[in-house]
Amino acid sequence: MKQYLDINHDDVVSIKEIIQFFFHFVTKVILYVIFLLLALIFIIFLFYFGDLLYNIRSGEDKPPLFDAYIIVSPSMVPTINVQDGIIIVRSSPDDLKQGDIISYLATDSYYAGKIITHRIIGIEESEDGVLFYRTKGDNNNVADAVLVNESNVYGKVLFKIPMLGYIRQFLSTYFGWILCIALPFLYLILTEITRVRKLIKNKKTESQKQNLNEENIEKI
């Protein structure tokens, strides 16, 4: 009976250690992902404000070097899904080509004033050398009704971050902030405190053993 109880106790300890290890691992992964996203956003903002200050000082009116948007329309599915985040980079008109995905200010009556992200399917040039882009959503049956003037293009899509919109929405809630940021940080802090206390305790124990051994040697 005693042996049976001992085995069960060991099993419980083992399961507890596995759960703690798993939770610690998941917590670290979540925090690392959040840290990488924040670091990426910080770097983009550095370039953004640096370029903005340069344009202000030089008197140039240009779109930001980098910008980010959350997609709310299914027009680019499956290339870019709803709630995906996109990072765009400013591109000169001559660098844009057919097949590029661009974000631009819509001027047609239905979407006027909205920022649209569609693919270039054709390029036309006016008599005075201004470029116009014919665009279309990958998920749309027809091309956009109005050509996009080169001056209304904010930039070309550099890459996307899947489901970033859902993550942003969740983190903006009280529960999401506590679950994904506050609790993981608190857990890691408590874990480190526990680890440091164990190290101090072990050092004290070793020191006491060493003192005891020295006293025994002196008695001999």
Foldseek 3Di string as FASTA:
>chain_A
DVVVVVVVVVVVVVVVVVVVVVVLVVLVVLVVVVVVVVVVVVVLVVQQVVVVVVCVVVVHDAFTQKDKDAAQDCLQPPVAHHRKMWMFGADQPVPDDAFWWFWFQDCDPVRHRHIDTFGFHDWDADPVGWIWTWTGHPNDPDTDPDTHTRRGTNGTTPDIHPNNRVLVVQCVDPVSVCVRPVVSVVVVVVVVVVVVVVVVVVVVVVVVVVVVVVVVVVVD
